[in-house]
N, C-alpha and C. Protein backbone atom coordinates (compact mmCIF):
# COMPACT_ATOMS: atom_id res chain seq x y z
N UNK A 1 15.72 15.80 -22.15
CA UNK A 1 15.80 14.91 -21.15
C UNK A 1 15.68 15.32 -19.69
N UNK A 2 14.49 14.80 -18.54
CA UNK A 2 13.61 15.60 -18.06
C UNK A 2 14.79 15.58 -16.81
N UNK A 3 14.79 16.32 -15.74
CA UNK A 3 15.57 16.17 -14.84
C UNK A 3 14.51 16.33 -13.57
N UNK A 4 14.94 15.22 -12.53
CA UNK A 4 14.17 14.58 -11.38
C UNK A 4 14.46 15.40 -9.90
N UNK A 5 14.22 16.03 -9.42
CA UNK A 5 14.35 16.50 -7.92
C UNK A 5 14.24 15.86 -7.08
N UNK A 6 14.66 16.73 -5.88
CA UNK A 6 13.94 16.03 -4.42
C UNK A 6 12.97 15.79 -4.56
N UNK A 7 12.38 17.13 -5.09
CA UNK A 7 10.36 17.53 -5.17
C UNK A 7 9.90 16.83 -5.88
N UNK A 8 10.31 16.60 -6.78
CA UNK A 8 9.71 15.70 -8.11
C UNK A 8 8.34 14.71 -7.06
N UNK A 9 7.21 14.71 -7.80
CA UNK A 9 6.43 13.64 -7.21
C UNK A 9 6.89 12.36 -7.02
N UNK A 10 6.48 10.94 -6.30
CA UNK A 10 7.16 9.97 -6.62
C UNK A 10 6.63 9.26 -7.76
N UNK A 11 5.08 9.64 -8.41
CA UNK A 11 4.76 8.90 -9.67
C UNK A 11 4.97 9.52 -10.78
N UNK A 12 5.83 11.10 -10.78
CA UNK A 12 6.78 11.25 -11.85
C UNK A 12 7.88 10.56 -12.46
N UNK A 13 8.80 10.15 -10.84
CA UNK A 13 9.85 9.66 -11.53
C UNK A 13 9.48 8.25 -11.65
N UNK A 14 8.75 7.47 -10.59
CA UNK A 14 8.16 6.19 -11.32
C UNK A 14 8.21 6.06 -13.02
N UNK A 15 7.66 7.19 -13.97
CA UNK A 15 7.51 7.04 -15.10
C UNK A 15 8.95 7.21 -15.76
N UNK A 16 9.61 7.74 -15.23
CA UNK A 16 11.00 8.16 -15.75
C UNK A 16 12.50 6.95 -15.53
N UNK A 17 12.08 6.42 -14.93
CA UNK A 17 13.04 5.27 -14.60
C UNK A 17 12.79 3.72 -14.66
N UNK A 18 13.84 2.75 -14.68
CA UNK A 18 13.50 1.47 -14.89
C UNK A 18 12.86 0.66 -13.57
N UNK A 19 11.62 -0.20 -13.95
CA UNK A 19 11.38 -0.48 -12.62
C UNK A 19 11.52 -2.12 -13.07
N UNK A 20 12.00 -3.14 -12.04
CA UNK A 20 12.18 -4.41 -11.92
C UNK A 20 10.80 -4.89 -11.18
N UNK A 21 9.92 -5.90 -12.00
CA UNK A 21 8.88 -6.48 -11.54
C UNK A 21 8.86 -8.06 -11.34
N UNK A 22 8.94 -8.87 -10.21
CA UNK A 22 8.80 -9.93 -9.76
C UNK A 22 7.82 -10.40 -8.67
N UNK A 23 6.77 -9.86 -8.53
CA UNK A 23 6.21 -10.13 -7.38
C UNK A 23 6.83 -8.84 -6.57
N UNK A 24 7.93 -8.15 -6.73
CA UNK A 24 7.92 -7.15 -6.10
C UNK A 24 8.78 -6.06 -7.10
N UNK A 25 8.91 -4.40 -7.10
CA UNK A 25 9.00 -4.02 -7.98
C UNK A 25 10.52 -3.02 -7.21
N UNK A 26 11.39 -2.33 -8.19
CA UNK A 26 12.04 -1.62 -7.71
C UNK A 26 12.28 -0.92 -8.49
N UNK A 27 12.34 0.25 -8.36
CA UNK A 27 12.58 1.35 -9.02
C UNK A 27 13.62 2.41 -8.52
N UNK A 28 14.68 2.62 -9.34
CA UNK A 28 15.90 3.54 -9.21
C UNK A 28 16.02 4.67 -9.94
N UNK A 29 16.35 5.64 -9.38
CA UNK A 29 16.42 6.81 -9.76
C UNK A 29 17.81 7.54 -9.61
N UNK A 30 18.55 8.32 -10.18
CA UNK A 30 19.55 9.67 -9.79
C UNK A 30 19.04 10.41 -9.67
N UNK A 31 19.30 11.68 -8.42
CA UNK A 31 18.18 13.05 -8.49
C UNK A 31 19.49 13.93 -7.74
N UNK A 32 20.02 14.52 -8.16
CA UNK A 32 21.14 15.43 -7.95
C UNK A 32 22.45 14.92 -7.06
N UNK A 33 23.02 13.56 -7.84
CA UNK A 33 23.98 12.82 -7.42
C UNK A 33 23.47 11.62 -6.47
N UNK A 34 21.60 12.09 -5.81
CA UNK A 34 21.72 11.03 -4.70
C UNK A 34 20.79 10.24 -5.53
N UNK A 35 20.76 8.60 -5.23
CA UNK A 35 20.40 7.80 -5.47
C UNK A 35 18.68 7.76 -4.82
N UNK A 36 17.46 7.58 -5.76
CA UNK A 36 16.38 7.52 -5.02
C UNK A 36 15.62 6.01 -5.47
N UNK A 37 15.12 5.63 -4.42
CA UNK A 37 14.33 4.00 -4.54
C UNK A 37 13.26 3.67 -4.31
N UNK A 38 12.50 3.54 -4.96
CA UNK A 38 10.63 2.67 -4.70
C UNK A 38 10.88 1.43 -4.60
N UNK A 39 10.97 0.85 -3.58
CA UNK A 39 10.45 -0.37 -3.62
C UNK A 39 8.88 -1.08 -3.04
N UNK A 40 8.50 -1.91 -3.91
CA UNK A 40 7.01 -2.57 -3.01
C UNK A 40 7.07 -4.12 -3.37
N UNK A 41 6.71 -4.59 -2.45
CA UNK A 41 6.49 -6.24 -2.32
C UNK A 41 5.52 -6.95 -1.94
N UNK A 42 4.87 -7.38 -2.46
CA UNK A 42 3.64 -8.06 -3.11
C UNK A 42 3.45 -9.37 -2.37
N UNK A 43 3.19 -9.31 -0.91
CA UNK A 43 3.12 -11.25 0.08
C UNK A 43 1.93 -11.34 -0.01
N UNK A 44 1.81 -13.04 -0.24
CA UNK A 44 0.32 -13.63 -0.38
C UNK A 44 0.10 -13.79 1.09
N UNK A 45 -1.45 -14.55 0.93
CA UNK A 45 -1.96 -14.58 2.24
C UNK A 45 -1.41 -15.80 2.33
N UNK A 46 -1.09 -16.00 3.70
CA UNK A 46 -0.28 -17.09 4.45
C UNK A 46 -0.84 -17.27 6.29
N UNK A 47 -0.73 -18.43 6.56
CA UNK A 47 -1.26 -18.57 7.88
C UNK A 47 -0.42 -18.12 8.94
N UNK A 48 0.75 -17.64 8.74
CA UNK A 48 1.73 -17.18 9.57
C UNK A 48 0.77 -15.56 10.00
N UNK A 49 0.20 -14.44 8.31
CA UNK A 49 -0.11 -13.56 8.93
C UNK A 49 -1.65 -13.46 8.84
N UNK A 50 -2.60 -13.17 9.76
CA UNK A 50 -3.94 -12.70 9.87
C UNK A 50 -4.88 -11.90 9.63
N UNK A 51 -3.73 -10.97 10.46
CA UNK A 51 -4.60 -9.59 10.47
C UNK A 51 -3.37 -8.28 10.03
N UNK A 52 -4.02 -7.29 10.01
CA UNK A 52 -3.41 -6.09 9.82
C UNK A 52 -2.00 -5.82 10.51
N UNK A 53 -1.91 -6.35 11.62
CA UNK A 53 -0.89 -5.87 12.78
C UNK A 53 0.02 -7.10 12.23
N UNK A 54 -0.09 -8.13 12.02
CA UNK A 54 1.14 -8.75 11.95
C UNK A 54 1.54 -8.44 10.40
N UNK A 55 0.59 -7.93 9.79
CA UNK A 55 1.10 -7.94 8.20
C UNK A 55 2.02 -6.92 8.31
N UNK A 56 1.79 -5.48 9.10
CA UNK A 56 2.16 -4.77 9.89
C UNK A 56 3.96 -4.89 10.37
N UNK A 57 3.89 -5.84 11.49
CA UNK A 57 5.33 -6.50 11.80
C UNK A 57 5.91 -6.96 10.65
N UNK A 58 5.48 -7.64 10.08
CA UNK A 58 6.47 -8.88 8.87
C UNK A 58 6.65 -7.48 8.10
N UNK A 59 6.29 -6.99 7.58
CA UNK A 59 7.02 -5.33 6.71
C UNK A 59 8.24 -4.69 7.50
N UNK A 60 7.56 -5.01 8.81
CA UNK A 60 8.84 -4.11 9.91
C UNK A 60 9.96 -4.65 9.42
N UNK A 61 9.76 -6.43 9.77
CA UNK A 61 10.89 -7.36 10.05
C UNK A 61 11.35 -7.27 8.86
N UNK A 62 11.27 -7.18 7.42
CA UNK A 62 11.90 -7.21 6.12
C UNK A 62 12.58 -5.36 5.66
N UNK A 63 12.54 -4.80 6.92
CA UNK A 63 12.70 -3.39 7.13
C UNK A 63 12.42 -2.38 6.35
N UNK A 64 10.79 -2.72 5.53
CA UNK A 64 9.63 -1.78 5.08
C UNK A 64 8.89 -1.69 5.92
N UNK A 65 7.51 -0.99 5.79
CA UNK A 65 6.31 -0.88 5.91
C UNK A 65 5.50 -0.67 5.15
N UNK A 66 4.08 -1.24 5.62
CA UNK A 66 3.21 -1.41 4.98
C UNK A 66 3.03 -0.70 3.77
N UNK A 67 2.39 -0.36 3.09
CA UNK A 67 2.33 0.75 1.58
C UNK A 67 1.55 1.88 2.16
N UNK A 68 2.04 3.05 1.48
CA UNK A 68 1.01 3.94 2.15
C UNK A 68 1.17 4.65 0.48
N UNK A 69 -0.55 4.56 0.29
CA UNK A 69 -0.63 5.46 -1.41
C UNK A 69 -0.73 6.44 -0.72
N UNK A 70 0.53 7.35 -1.09
CA UNK A 70 0.08 8.95 -1.48
C UNK A 70 -0.68 9.57 -2.91
N UNK A 71 -0.97 9.11 -3.31
CA UNK A 71 -1.83 9.90 -4.97
C UNK A 71 -2.58 9.16 -6.16
N UNK A 72 -2.86 9.46 -6.57
CA UNK A 72 -3.80 8.83 -7.57
C UNK A 72 -2.90 7.98 -8.33
N UNK A 73 -1.99 8.57 -8.71
CA UNK A 73 -0.64 8.11 -9.90
C UNK A 73 -0.16 7.12 -8.84
N UNK A 74 0.16 7.07 -7.73
CA UNK A 74 0.65 5.66 -7.07
C UNK A 74 -0.66 4.73 -6.90
N UNK A 75 -1.63 4.95 -6.66
CA UNK A 75 -2.78 4.20 -6.53
C UNK A 75 -2.96 3.35 -7.97
N UNK A 76 -2.61 4.29 -9.28
CA UNK A 76 -3.08 3.60 -10.75
C UNK A 76 -2.21 2.58 -10.55
N UNK A 77 -0.69 3.03 -10.31
CA UNK A 77 0.33 2.12 -10.88
C UNK A 77 0.42 0.98 -9.64
N UNK A 78 0.12 1.22 -8.41
CA UNK A 78 -0.05 -0.15 -7.64
C UNK A 78 -1.07 -1.36 -8.43
N UNK A 79 -2.71 -0.75 -8.65
CA UNK A 79 -3.50 -1.66 -9.63
C UNK A 79 -3.09 -2.06 -10.93
N UNK A 80 -2.26 -1.59 -11.41
CA UNK A 80 -1.74 -1.88 -12.69
C UNK A 80 -0.91 -2.97 -12.49
N UNK A 81 0.05 -3.12 -11.31
CA UNK A 81 0.97 -4.10 -11.01
C UNK A 81 0.90 -5.01 -10.33
N UNK A 82 -0.86 -5.01 -9.55
CA UNK A 82 -1.29 -6.19 -8.74
C UNK A 82 -1.99 -6.77 -10.01
N UNK A 83 -2.45 -6.03 -11.04
CA UNK A 83 -3.06 -6.84 -12.64
C UNK A 83 -2.71 -7.67 -12.96
N UNK A 84 -0.97 -7.06 -13.14
CA UNK A 84 0.17 -7.85 -13.91
C UNK A 84 0.53 -9.56 -12.95
N UNK A 85 0.80 -9.08 -11.70
CA UNK A 85 1.06 -10.06 -11.19
C UNK A 85 -0.04 -11.03 -10.54
N UNK A 86 -1.11 -10.42 -9.95
CA UNK A 86 -2.13 -10.62 -8.98
C UNK A 86 -1.60 -12.32 -8.25
N UNK A 87 -0.72 -12.21 -7.43
CA UNK A 87 -0.70 -13.40 -6.36
C UNK A 87 -1.54 -13.46 -5.61
N UNK A 88 -2.57 -13.03 -5.27
CA UNK A 88 -3.95 -13.14 -4.52
C UNK A 88 -3.90 -14.64 -4.39
N UNK A 89 -3.88 -15.74 -5.14
CA UNK A 89 -4.21 -16.99 -5.00
C UNK A 89 -5.62 -16.66 -3.86
N UNK A 90 -5.65 -17.66 -3.02
CA UNK A 90 -7.12 -17.58 -2.37
C UNK A 90 -7.63 -16.29 -1.77
N UNK A 91 -6.21 -15.39 -1.59
CA UNK A 91 -6.54 -14.09 -0.76
C UNK A 91 -7.81 -13.26 -1.44
N UNK A 92 -8.50 -12.53 -0.32
CA UNK A 92 -9.61 -11.45 -0.45
C UNK A 92 -9.33 -10.30 -1.20
N UNK A 93 -7.67 -10.09 -0.95
CA UNK A 93 -7.51 -8.55 -1.24
C UNK A 93 -5.72 -8.56 0.02
N UNK A 94 -5.39 -7.47 -0.22
CA UNK A 94 -4.24 -6.91 0.41
C UNK A 94 -4.04 -5.66 1.23
N UNK A 95 -3.60 -6.13 2.38
CA UNK A 95 -3.80 -4.86 3.29
C UNK A 95 -3.00 -4.00 2.92
N UNK A 96 -3.06 -2.73 2.97
CA UNK A 96 -1.64 -1.23 2.86
C UNK A 96 -1.83 -0.65 4.18
N UNK A 97 -1.27 0.32 4.26
CA UNK A 97 -1.13 0.93 5.25
C UNK A 97 -2.15 1.90 6.25
N UNK A 98 -2.90 1.74 5.82
CA UNK A 98 -4.27 2.82 6.37
C UNK A 98 -4.76 2.05 7.35
N UNK A 99 -5.19 2.66 8.49
CA UNK A 99 -5.79 2.12 9.77
C UNK A 99 -6.72 3.40 10.55
N UNK A 100 -7.82 3.09 10.50
CA UNK A 100 -8.92 4.03 10.83
C UNK A 100 -9.00 3.81 12.75
N UNK A 101 -8.58 5.27 13.39
CA UNK A 101 -9.06 5.03 15.13
C UNK A 101 -9.10 6.19 15.42
N UNK A 102 -9.93 6.16 16.49
CA UNK A 102 -10.11 7.65 17.00
C UNK A 102 -10.74 8.48 16.26
N UNK A 103 -11.26 8.06 15.16
CA UNK A 103 -12.24 8.96 14.36
C UNK A 103 -11.40 9.58 12.96
N UNK A 104 -10.27 8.96 13.28
CA UNK A 104 -9.59 9.71 11.67
C UNK A 104 -8.42 8.83 10.63
N UNK A 105 -8.48 8.28 9.73
CA UNK A 105 -7.33 7.48 8.81
C UNK A 105 -5.73 8.14 9.49
N UNK A 106 -5.01 7.36 9.45
CA UNK A 106 -3.70 7.24 9.69
C UNK A 106 -3.14 6.10 8.55
N UNK A 107 -1.45 6.62 8.59
CA UNK A 107 -0.84 5.56 7.66
C UNK A 107 -0.15 4.67 8.96
N UNK A 108 0.69 3.38 8.66
CA UNK A 108 1.02 2.83 9.28
C UNK A 108 1.95 3.24 10.41
N UNK A 109 2.88 4.81 10.16
CA UNK A 109 3.52 5.37 10.22
C UNK A 109 3.43 6.65 11.42
N UNK A 110 1.84 6.92 11.42
CA UNK A 110 1.23 7.63 11.86
C UNK A 110 0.99 8.92 11.58
N UNK A 111 1.27 9.19 9.99
CA UNK A 111 1.12 10.09 8.94
C UNK A 111 -0.54 10.24 8.51
N UNK A 112 -1.01 11.36 8.63
CA UNK A 112 -2.54 11.36 8.02
C UNK A 112 -2.66 10.99 7.00
N UNK A 113 -3.88 10.42 6.64
CA UNK A 113 -3.98 9.89 5.59
C UNK A 113 -4.48 10.81 4.48
N UNK A 114 -3.84 11.25 3.86
CA UNK A 114 -4.54 12.47 3.16
C UNK A 114 -5.35 12.34 1.97
N UNK A 115 -4.63 11.21 0.90
CA UNK A 115 -5.28 10.32 -0.17
C UNK A 115 -5.52 9.66 0.08
N UNK A 116 -7.42 9.03 0.24
CA UNK A 116 -8.37 8.11 0.42
C UNK A 116 -9.10 7.78 -1.23
N UNK A 117 -9.22 6.72 -1.32
CA UNK A 117 -9.84 6.01 -2.36
C UNK A 117 -10.80 4.99 -1.93
N UNK A 118 -11.75 5.31 -0.63
CA UNK A 118 -12.71 4.14 -0.42
C UNK A 118 -13.88 4.66 -1.47
N UNK A 119 -14.65 3.66 -1.84
CA UNK A 119 -15.63 3.87 -2.78
C UNK A 119 -16.62 4.62 -1.87
N UNK A 120 -17.36 5.44 -2.26
CA UNK A 120 -18.37 6.90 -1.57
C UNK A 120 -17.57 7.28 -0.23
N UNK A 121 -16.47 7.99 -0.21
CA UNK A 121 -15.46 8.25 0.52
C UNK A 121 -15.28 7.44 1.62
N UNK A 122 -15.45 7.43 3.30
CA UNK A 122 -14.78 6.82 3.89
C UNK A 122 -16.10 5.56 4.06
N UNK A 123 -17.42 5.54 3.69
CA UNK A 123 -17.99 5.22 3.99
C UNK A 123 -18.78 4.37 5.18
N UNK A 124 -18.34 4.93 6.39
CA UNK A 124 -18.66 4.48 7.73
C UNK A 124 -20.30 4.87 8.17
N UNK A 125 -20.52 3.71 8.61
CA UNK A 125 -21.82 3.87 9.41
C UNK A 125 -21.40 4.41 10.95
N UNK A 126 -22.20 4.81 11.90
CA UNK A 126 -22.32 5.73 13.12
C UNK A 126 -21.48 3.83 13.71
N UNK A 127 -21.68 2.82 13.62
CA UNK A 127 -21.27 1.98 14.38
C UNK A 127 -19.89 1.36 14.22
N UNK A 128 -19.65 1.52 12.69
CA UNK A 128 -18.18 1.10 12.33
C UNK A 128 -17.20 2.20 12.81
N UNK A 129 -17.58 3.28 12.95
CA UNK A 129 -16.80 4.54 13.62
C UNK A 129 -15.84 4.33 14.80
N UNK A 130 -16.95 3.47 15.44
CA UNK A 130 -16.47 3.37 17.10
C UNK A 130 -15.64 1.97 17.32
N UNK A 131 -15.11 1.48 15.97
CA UNK A 131 -14.27 0.06 15.94
C UNK A 131 -13.15 0.60 14.88
N UNK A 132 -11.57 0.09 15.44
CA UNK A 132 -10.46 0.38 14.69
C UNK A 132 -10.77 -0.40 12.86
N UNK A 133 -10.66 0.07 12.58
CA UNK A 133 -10.72 -0.47 10.51
C UNK A 133 -9.21 -0.56 10.35
N UNK A 134 -8.77 -1.09 8.85
CA UNK A 134 -7.87 -1.29 8.53
C UNK A 134 -7.97 -1.35 6.65
N UNK A 135 -7.38 -0.32 6.38
CA UNK A 135 -7.51 -0.02 4.89
C UNK A 135 -7.14 -1.58 3.80
N UNK A 136 -7.40 -1.63 2.90
CA UNK A 136 -6.96 -3.05 1.87
C UNK A 136 -7.26 -2.64 0.74
N UNK A 137 -6.83 -2.76 -0.16
CA UNK A 137 -7.22 -3.50 -1.55
C UNK A 137 -7.67 -4.86 -2.00
N UNK A 138 -9.22 -4.38 -2.65
CA UNK A 138 -9.71 -5.43 -3.11
C UNK A 138 -9.11 -6.31 -3.79
N UNK A 139 -9.08 -7.79 -4.00
CA UNK A 139 -8.87 -8.53 -5.26
C UNK A 139 -9.45 -8.35 -6.66
N UNK A 140 -11.12 -8.26 -6.18
CA UNK A 140 -11.78 -8.02 -7.40
C UNK A 140 -12.07 -6.23 -7.70
N UNK A 141 -11.42 -6.32 -8.82
CA UNK A 141 -11.68 -5.09 -9.32
C UNK A 141 -10.45 -3.73 -8.55
N UNK A 142 -9.72 -4.51 -7.57
CA UNK A 142 -8.59 -3.41 -7.18
C UNK A 142 -9.47 -2.33 -6.09
N UNK A 143 -10.71 -2.08 -5.88
CA UNK A 143 -10.93 -0.83 -5.38
C UNK A 143 -10.60 -0.76 -3.87
N UNK A 144 -10.49 0.23 -2.73
CA UNK A 144 -10.23 0.41 -1.75
C UNK A 144 -11.17 -0.28 -0.81
N UNK A 145 -11.08 -0.76 0.65
CA UNK A 145 -12.11 -1.27 1.41
C UNK A 145 -11.54 -1.10 2.72
N UNK A 146 -12.15 -1.42 3.95
CA UNK A 146 -11.93 -1.42 4.84
C UNK A 146 -12.05 -2.64 5.81
N UNK A 147 -11.90 -3.30 6.86
CA UNK A 147 -12.29 -4.62 7.75
C UNK A 147 -11.67 -3.99 9.00
N UNK A 148 -12.51 -4.74 9.82
CA UNK A 148 -12.57 -4.44 11.28
C UNK A 148 -11.07 -5.48 12.03
N UNK A 149 -10.69 -5.76 12.89
CA UNK A 149 -9.67 -6.15 13.20
C UNK A 149 -10.46 -7.83 13.87
N UNK A 150 -11.92 -7.83 13.27
CA UNK A 150 -12.51 -9.37 13.68
C UNK A 150 -13.04 -10.16 12.52
N UNK A 151 -12.98 -8.96 11.34
CA UNK A 151 -13.12 -9.22 9.92
C UNK A 151 -12.43 -10.72 9.53
N UNK A 152 -13.16 -11.48 8.75
CA UNK A 152 -12.84 -12.90 7.81
C UNK A 152 -11.94 -13.06 7.32
N UNK A 153 -11.66 -12.20 6.64
CA UNK A 153 -11.03 -11.76 5.12
C UNK A 153 -9.80 -12.66 5.18
N UNK A 154 -9.58 -13.28 3.92
CA UNK A 154 -7.89 -13.78 3.97
C UNK A 154 -7.12 -12.48 3.18
N UNK A 155 -6.22 -11.96 3.96
CA UNK A 155 -5.04 -11.02 3.32
C UNK A 155 -4.03 -10.91 2.95
N UNK A 156 -3.60 -11.03 2.05
CA UNK A 156 -2.02 -11.04 1.44
C UNK A 156 -1.59 -9.26 2.14
N UNK A 157 -0.53 -9.00 1.94
CA UNK A 157 -0.28 -7.83 1.84
C UNK A 157 0.87 -7.11 1.02
N UNK A 158 1.06 -5.36 1.12
CA UNK A 158 2.12 -4.84 0.55
C UNK A 158 3.21 -3.93 1.07
N UNK A 159 4.19 -4.34 1.17
CA UNK A 159 5.24 -4.03 1.88
C UNK A 159 5.78 -2.82 0.67
N UNK A 160 6.37 -1.82 1.47
CA UNK A 160 7.13 -0.50 0.65
C UNK A 160 8.57 -0.42 1.47
N UNK A 161 9.64 0.25 0.30
CA UNK A 161 11.00 0.34 1.09
C UNK A 161 11.17 1.60 0.00
N UNK A 162 11.75 2.66 0.96
CA UNK A 162 12.08 3.89 -0.20
C UNK A 162 13.91 3.72 -0.03
N UNK A 163 14.11 2.81 0.46
CA UNK A 163 16.12 2.75 1.23
C UNK A 163 16.53 2.38 -0.17
N UNK A 164 17.80 2.79 -0.46
CA UNK A 164 18.43 1.75 -1.21
C UNK A 164 19.38 0.63 -0.98
């Protein structure tokens, strides 16, 4: 039996305990007597949420945040989850917590976006660097992309919580 500590990376923890899936996934583990939870919730595109800011506010309303993808393993986990559930319906993809502003990517909590999986790096032209852009996972192939606030894409969004 392997021991999960507070310093065990989330992706390793996800592989060692039960996850319940139903358009949301809740993973629970006990570490040193403390409970650790990771919950993801995939929300479909709707007329109520038409942009990244509204998606971010809806996640906050649920006492969650737009998902922060910390590493390749969590990215792969989300792709598998999306592939199994694929609640996209008519959406083009799902917003995640990444925001590009003032020349750098950050997560919705303000922390730097260290892990990125945009095809070809961030792929920005000089024009794209001058506007705010928002990260999303595309429905087709689950690759990462980014859109401006003026985009016409129809997006769902993925919320995350680490509270038990």
